[in-house]
């Protein structure tokens, strides 16, 4: 690959890819680095993508993107140990173009989005770790990677390597997170027949539903859980402040098993088979913990 670019973007998550897409579209010579085998292989989120923000980048993206289901109903479940109060909004117009939001699986969606950036002219290089920024005379001029050809230079380097950006910490842009500034979210994707999903969630074919879980979903620790419908899988997860897990001495997977086996949730998952387990930190520190980088490390979820 060329030794010098106009811009290097580190991290091919939605924020980094959006940056590379817009730059390449404007004629900038941009390199997009991703440490995973492919974009999305190491990225995690609950799984809901809102149309409006994405359409600002790619109009009518929903006609070709690998989306799971358009969400027509959003439920909120207030849970006790053996009871729950549920309220919801269901809008059938959300099941028609231009839609409102969708469930997505990052392994599929991030690859598609990165390909769109490549179509605009960005160079995507995967399985490449940016070890450190190259600094000359007090200015970042490139990155040093783990590839044999090592150093790559650019006029501008954008750090979009996520909530726990090692490069931002090396440069002094960001400090270590305190346990009360980050949540740890764990989730599992479970396989379930498409028709069974639609029957259990009272959905027409191709429609989707999200359920936000509050209260006993986190055993009294500050946080939330979620249950989202995909095409032929469900995404079930829970997230709490890291400080809460430490204080109550609860392991993340124990909390996930707790919500999966909760009597209000267990019937939705009956007969399903786990296919993937994921975990990720989510910044929750607010304004005063915002580092000077792009991506979900900037502030809170859905702010990238």
Protein backbone atom coordinates (compact mmCIF):
# COMPACT_ATOMS: atom_id res chain seq x y z
CA UNK A 1 0.00 0.00 0.00
CA UNK A 2 1.19 3.59 -0.59
CA UNK A 3 3.41 5.05 2.11
CA UNK A 4 1.50 8.35 2.30
CA UNK A 5 -2.24 9.11 2.39
CA UNK A 6 -4.25 12.26 2.86
CA UNK A 7 -6.01 10.63 5.83
CA UNK A 8 -5.80 7.43 7.85
CA UNK A 9 -8.92 6.29 9.72
CA UNK A 10 -8.24 3.74 12.45
CA UNK A 11 -11.26 1.50 13.04
CA UNK A 12 -13.92 0.33 10.56
CA UNK A 13 -16.93 0.56 12.83
CA UNK A 14 -19.87 2.75 11.74
CA UNK A 15 -18.16 6.01 12.80
CA UNK A 16 -14.83 5.23 11.16
CA UNK A 17 -16.44 3.89 8.00
CA UNK A 18 -18.76 6.91 7.75
CA UNK A 19 -15.71 9.16 8.03
CA UNK A 20 -13.83 7.22 5.34
CA UNK A 21 -16.92 7.15 3.11
CA UNK A 22 -17.44 10.92 3.20
CA UNK A 23 -13.74 11.68 2.76
CA UNK A 24 -13.37 9.30 -0.19
CA UNK A 25 -16.55 10.67 -1.73
CA UNK A 26 -14.97 14.14 -1.58
CA UNK A 27 -11.87 12.90 -3.38
CA UNK A 28 -9.60 12.47 -0.37
CA UNK A 29 -7.04 9.65 -0.53
CA UNK A 30 -8.04 7.72 2.60
CA UNK A 31 -6.84 4.52 4.25
CA UNK A 32 -9.29 2.65 6.51
CA UNK A 33 -7.59 0.28 8.96
CA UNK A 34 -9.43 -2.56 10.71
CA UNK A 35 -7.84 -4.96 13.19
CA UNK A 36 -10.49 -7.66 12.68
CA UNK A 37 -10.61 -10.27 9.95
CA UNK A 38 -13.35 -8.14 8.39
CA UNK A 39 -15.35 -5.07 9.49
CA UNK A 40 -17.84 -6.17 12.12
CA UNK A 41 -15.93 -9.24 13.25
CA UNK A 42 -14.97 -7.50 16.51
CA UNK A 43 -17.81 -4.98 16.77
CA UNK A 44 -20.76 -5.30 19.15
CA UNK A 45 -24.03 -3.48 19.70
CA UNK A 46 -27.50 -4.46 20.81
CA UNK A 47 -28.63 -4.29 17.25
CA UNK A 48 -30.92 -1.33 16.42
CA UNK A 49 -30.03 1.06 13.59
CA UNK A 50 -32.04 4.25 13.04
CA UNK A 51 -32.83 5.18 9.45
CA UNK A 52 -32.55 8.96 9.52
CA UNK A 53 -28.91 9.24 10.59
CA UNK A 54 -27.76 6.52 8.21
CA UNK A 55 -29.75 7.98 5.33
CA UNK A 56 -27.90 11.27 5.75
CA UNK A 57 -24.88 9.32 4.49
CA UNK A 58 -26.42 6.87 2.00
CA UNK A 59 -29.95 7.78 0.83
CA UNK A 60 -32.34 4.81 0.69
CA UNK A 61 -29.64 2.51 2.06
CA UNK A 62 -32.39 0.18 3.29
CA UNK A 63 -33.02 -1.00 -0.27
CA UNK A 64 -29.70 -2.84 -0.38
CA UNK A 65 -28.18 -3.04 3.11
CA UNK A 66 -28.23 -6.42 4.94
CA UNK A 67 -30.88 -5.47 7.50
CA UNK A 68 -32.72 -7.94 9.72
CA UNK A 69 -36.23 -6.60 10.41
CA UNK A 70 -37.88 -3.15 10.35
CA UNK A 71 -39.13 -2.43 13.88
CA UNK A 72 -42.89 -1.86 14.06
CA UNK A 73 -43.26 -2.25 17.83
CA UNK A 74 -41.15 -1.03 20.73
CA UNK A 75 -42.01 -2.52 24.12
CA UNK A 76 -40.81 -1.60 27.59
CA UNK A 77 -41.04 -4.27 30.29
CA UNK A 78 -40.83 -3.24 33.96
CA UNK A 79 -39.86 -6.45 35.69
CA UNK A 80 -40.13 -7.92 39.16
CA UNK A 81 -38.99 -11.43 40.03
CA UNK A 82 -42.25 -13.09 38.99
CA UNK A 83 -44.25 -10.32 37.35
CA UNK A 84 -43.95 -7.52 34.83
CA UNK A 85 -45.76 -4.48 33.51
CA UNK A 86 -45.34 -3.96 29.76
CA UNK A 87 -46.27 -0.95 27.66
CA UNK A 88 -45.53 -0.36 24.02
CA UNK A 89 -46.06 1.60 20.84
CA UNK A 90 -46.87 -0.20 17.60
CA UNK A 91 -46.96 1.67 14.32
CA UNK A 92 -47.65 -0.29 11.15
CA UNK A 93 -46.32 2.62 9.10
CA UNK A 94 -42.89 1.71 10.47
CA UNK A 95 -43.12 -1.51 8.47
CA UNK A 96 -43.23 0.40 5.19
CA UNK A 97 -40.69 2.59 3.39
CA UNK A 98 -38.95 4.71 4.46
CA UNK A 99 -39.22 2.85 7.81
CA UNK A 100 -38.02 4.14 11.19
CA UNK A 101 -35.38 1.73 12.47
CA UNK A 102 -34.12 -1.80 11.96
CA UNK A 103 -32.43 -4.62 13.78
CA UNK A 104 -29.01 -5.39 12.34
CA UNK A 105 -26.19 -7.84 12.91
CA UNK A 106 -22.88 -6.00 12.90
CA UNK A 107 -20.94 -8.81 11.22
CA UNK A 108 -23.15 -8.35 8.15
CA UNK A 109 -23.89 -4.63 8.23
CA UNK A 110 -20.37 -3.36 8.91
CA UNK A 111 -18.97 -5.35 5.99
CA UNK A 112 -21.56 -3.87 3.65
CA UNK A 113 -20.94 -0.33 4.89
CA UNK A 114 -17.17 -0.69 4.51
CA UNK A 115 -17.65 -1.95 0.96
CA UNK A 116 -19.58 1.25 0.24
CA UNK A 117 -16.62 3.29 1.45
CA UNK A 118 -14.35 1.24 -0.82
CA UNK A 119 -16.66 1.94 -3.76
CA UNK A 120 -16.15 5.64 -3.09
CA UNK A 121 -12.39 5.17 -3.30
CA UNK A 122 -11.24 4.34 0.25
CA UNK A 123 -8.59 1.65 0.72
CA UNK A 124 -9.69 -0.89 3.34
CA UNK A 125 -6.97 -2.95 5.01
CA UNK A 126 -8.12 -5.58 7.53
CA UNK A 127 -6.24 -7.74 10.05
CA UNK A 128 -4.01 -4.77 10.78
CA UNK A 129 -3.39 -3.42 14.27
CA UNK A 130 -2.38 0.22 14.66
CA UNK A 131 0.19 -0.10 17.44
CA UNK A 132 0.93 3.58 17.96
CA UNK A 133 0.77 6.98 16.33
CA UNK A 134 3.89 8.36 14.72
CA UNK A 135 4.62 11.80 16.19
CA UNK A 136 7.10 14.23 14.66
CA UNK A 137 7.71 17.71 16.07
CA UNK A 138 4.61 17.45 18.25
CA UNK A 139 2.33 16.47 15.37
CA UNK A 140 0.77 13.11 14.47
CA UNK A 141 1.95 12.21 10.97
CA UNK A 142 0.95 8.56 10.69
CA UNK A 143 0.58 5.22 12.45
CA UNK A 144 2.88 2.29 13.11
CA UNK A 145 1.17 -1.04 12.40
CA UNK A 146 1.93 -4.70 12.99
CA UNK A 147 2.32 -5.34 9.26
CA UNK A 148 5.76 -6.08 7.77
CA UNK A 149 5.73 -2.74 5.94
CA UNK A 150 5.05 -1.14 9.30
CA UNK A 151 4.69 2.62 9.11
CA UNK A 152 2.02 4.49 7.15
CA UNK A 153 1.91 8.27 6.92
CA UNK A 154 -0.89 10.79 6.41
CA UNK A 155 -1.67 14.47 6.76
CA UNK A 156 -4.53 13.61 9.15
CA UNK A 157 -5.13 10.60 11.40
CA UNK A 158 -8.65 9.92 12.72
CA UNK A 159 -8.97 7.63 15.73
CA UNK A 160 -12.21 5.68 15.54
CA UNK A 161 -10.97 2.61 17.37
CA UNK A 162 -13.74 2.51 19.93
CA UNK A 163 -14.48 3.07 23.57
CA UNK A 164 -11.12 1.82 24.84
CA UNK A 165 -8.86 3.58 22.31
CA UNK A 166 -5.27 2.68 23.13
CA UNK A 167 -3.97 5.23 20.64
CA UNK A 168 -5.94 8.05 22.27
CA UNK A 169 -4.51 7.06 25.64
CA UNK A 170 -0.97 6.94 24.26
CA UNK A 171 -1.37 10.50 22.97
CA UNK A 172 -2.82 11.74 26.25
CA UNK A 173 -6.21 12.52 24.70
CA UNK A 174 -7.96 10.16 27.08
CA UNK A 175 -7.34 8.58 30.46
CA UNK A 176 -8.36 5.18 31.75
CA UNK A 177 -12.09 4.86 32.38
CA UNK A 178 -13.32 4.68 35.96
CA UNK A 179 -15.63 1.71 36.68
CA UNK A 180 -18.58 4.10 37.17
CA UNK A 181 -18.01 5.65 33.72
CA UNK A 182 -18.47 2.53 31.60
CA UNK A 183 -21.08 -0.17 31.34
CA UNK A 184 -20.27 -3.73 30.36
CA UNK A 185 -22.86 -5.18 27.99
CA UNK A 186 -23.05 -8.90 27.32
CA UNK A 187 -25.34 -10.47 24.77
CA UNK A 188 -26.11 -13.73 23.10
CA UNK A 189 -27.53 -14.39 19.65
CA UNK A 190 -29.81 -17.42 19.64
CA UNK A 191 -31.21 -19.28 16.65
CA UNK A 192 -34.98 -19.63 16.33
CA UNK A 193 -37.27 -20.41 13.41
CA UNK A 194 -38.49 -17.31 11.59
CA UNK A 195 -42.17 -18.23 11.86
CA UNK A 196 -41.82 -19.06 15.56
CA UNK A 197 -40.38 -15.58 16.16
CA UNK A 198 -43.33 -13.95 14.40
CA UNK A 199 -45.86 -16.02 16.34
CA UNK A 200 -44.29 -15.39 19.76
CA UNK A 201 -43.92 -11.65 19.23
CA UNK A 202 -47.29 -11.25 17.44
CA UNK A 203 -45.70 -10.01 14.22
CA UNK A 204 -46.61 -10.17 10.55
CA UNK A 205 -43.97 -11.64 8.20
CA UNK A 206 -40.75 -9.58 8.11
CA UNK A 207 -41.89 -7.25 10.93
CA UNK A 208 -39.67 -6.72 13.97
CA UNK A 209 -40.08 -5.94 17.66
CA UNK A 210 -37.76 -4.68 20.39
CA UNK A 211 -38.26 -5.15 24.13
CA UNK A 212 -36.29 -3.03 26.60
CA UNK A 213 -35.99 -4.78 29.97
CA UNK A 214 -35.99 -2.72 33.15
CA UNK A 215 -35.96 -3.54 36.86
CA UNK A 216 -35.22 -7.11 37.86
CA UNK A 217 -33.50 -7.78 34.53
CA UNK A 218 -30.29 -6.56 36.19
CA UNK A 219 -30.97 -7.89 39.71
CA UNK A 220 -31.25 -4.37 41.11
CA UNK A 221 -27.99 -3.08 39.62
CA UNK A 222 -28.23 0.12 37.59
CA UNK A 223 -28.63 -0.96 33.96
CA UNK A 224 -31.00 -2.42 31.37
CA UNK A 225 -31.58 -5.51 29.32
CA UNK A 226 -32.93 -6.03 25.83
CA UNK A 227 -34.54 -8.62 23.57
CA UNK A 228 -34.54 -7.91 19.82
CA UNK A 229 -35.95 -9.86 16.89
CA UNK A 230 -33.76 -10.62 13.86
CA UNK A 231 -34.74 -12.62 10.78
CA UNK A 232 -34.18 -16.06 12.28
CA UNK A 233 -32.36 -15.21 15.50
CA UNK A 234 -32.97 -13.24 18.68
CA UNK A 235 -30.51 -10.90 20.37
CA UNK A 236 -30.77 -11.09 24.17
CA UNK A 237 -28.51 -9.03 26.38
CA UNK A 238 -27.96 -6.99 29.50
CA UNK A 239 -25.71 -4.08 30.39
CA UNK A 240 -24.74 -2.60 33.76
CA UNK A 241 -22.12 -0.22 35.09
CA UNK A 242 -18.82 -1.96 35.67
CA UNK A 243 -18.80 -0.53 39.19
CA UNK A 244 -22.09 -2.30 39.91
CA UNK A 245 -20.74 -5.67 38.83
CA UNK A 246 -17.68 -5.15 41.02
CA UNK A 247 -19.70 -4.00 44.04
CA UNK A 248 -22.19 -6.87 43.87
CA UNK A 249 -19.54 -9.43 42.83
CA UNK A 250 -21.57 -10.66 39.88
CA UNK A 251 -19.95 -12.01 36.73
CA UNK A 252 -21.36 -10.67 33.42
CA UNK A 253 -22.31 -14.11 32.08
CA UNK A 254 -24.15 -14.86 35.34
CA UNK A 255 -26.29 -11.77 34.83
CA UNK A 256 -27.01 -12.80 31.24
CA UNK A 257 -28.06 -16.28 32.34
CA UNK A 258 -30.27 -14.70 34.99
CA UNK A 259 -32.22 -12.60 32.49
CA UNK A 260 -32.42 -15.48 29.99
CA UNK A 261 -34.02 -17.68 32.64
CA UNK A 262 -36.30 -15.00 34.07
CA UNK A 263 -39.91 -16.29 34.01
CA UNK A 264 -41.00 -13.25 31.98
CA UNK A 265 -38.32 -13.84 29.32
CA UNK A 266 -37.77 -17.60 29.22
CA UNK A 267 -40.89 -18.37 27.09
CA UNK A 268 -39.60 -16.13 24.28
CA UNK A 269 -36.36 -18.14 24.12
CA UNK A 270 -37.83 -21.63 24.47
CA UNK A 271 -36.37 -24.03 21.90
CA UNK A 272 -33.67 -21.62 20.74
CA UNK A 273 -30.01 -22.52 20.28
CA UNK A 274 -27.13 -20.16 21.15
CA UNK A 275 -24.91 -19.30 18.17
CA UNK A 276 -22.79 -16.39 19.39
CA UNK A 277 -21.72 -14.71 22.65
CA UNK A 278 -20.49 -11.11 22.67
CA UNK A 279 -19.38 -8.51 25.21
CA UNK A 280 -18.35 -4.87 24.97
CA UNK A 281 -17.81 -1.73 27.03
CA UNK A 282 -20.19 1.22 26.59
CA UNK A 283 -19.19 4.75 27.66
CA UNK A 284 -21.59 6.21 30.22
CA UNK A 285 -19.47 8.95 31.77
CA UNK A 286 -21.24 11.90 30.18
CA UNK A 287 -19.78 15.23 29.10
CA UNK A 288 -16.86 15.37 31.52
CA UNK A 289 -15.41 12.06 30.36
CA UNK A 290 -15.58 12.81 26.64
CA UNK A 291 -12.24 12.25 24.88
CA UNK A 292 -11.19 14.06 21.72
CA UNK A 293 -11.87 11.19 19.33
CA UNK A 294 -14.69 10.00 17.08
CA UNK A 295 -16.77 6.88 17.49
CA UNK A 296 -18.75 5.40 20.36
CA UNK A 297 -15.83 6.38 22.61
CA UNK A 298 -16.94 10.01 22.34
CA UNK A 299 -19.88 9.88 24.69
CA UNK A 300 -22.72 7.43 24.94
CA UNK A 301 -24.32 4.75 22.80
CA UNK A 302 -25.98 5.94 19.55
CA UNK A 303 -24.03 9.22 19.63
CA UNK A 304 -21.38 8.27 17.06
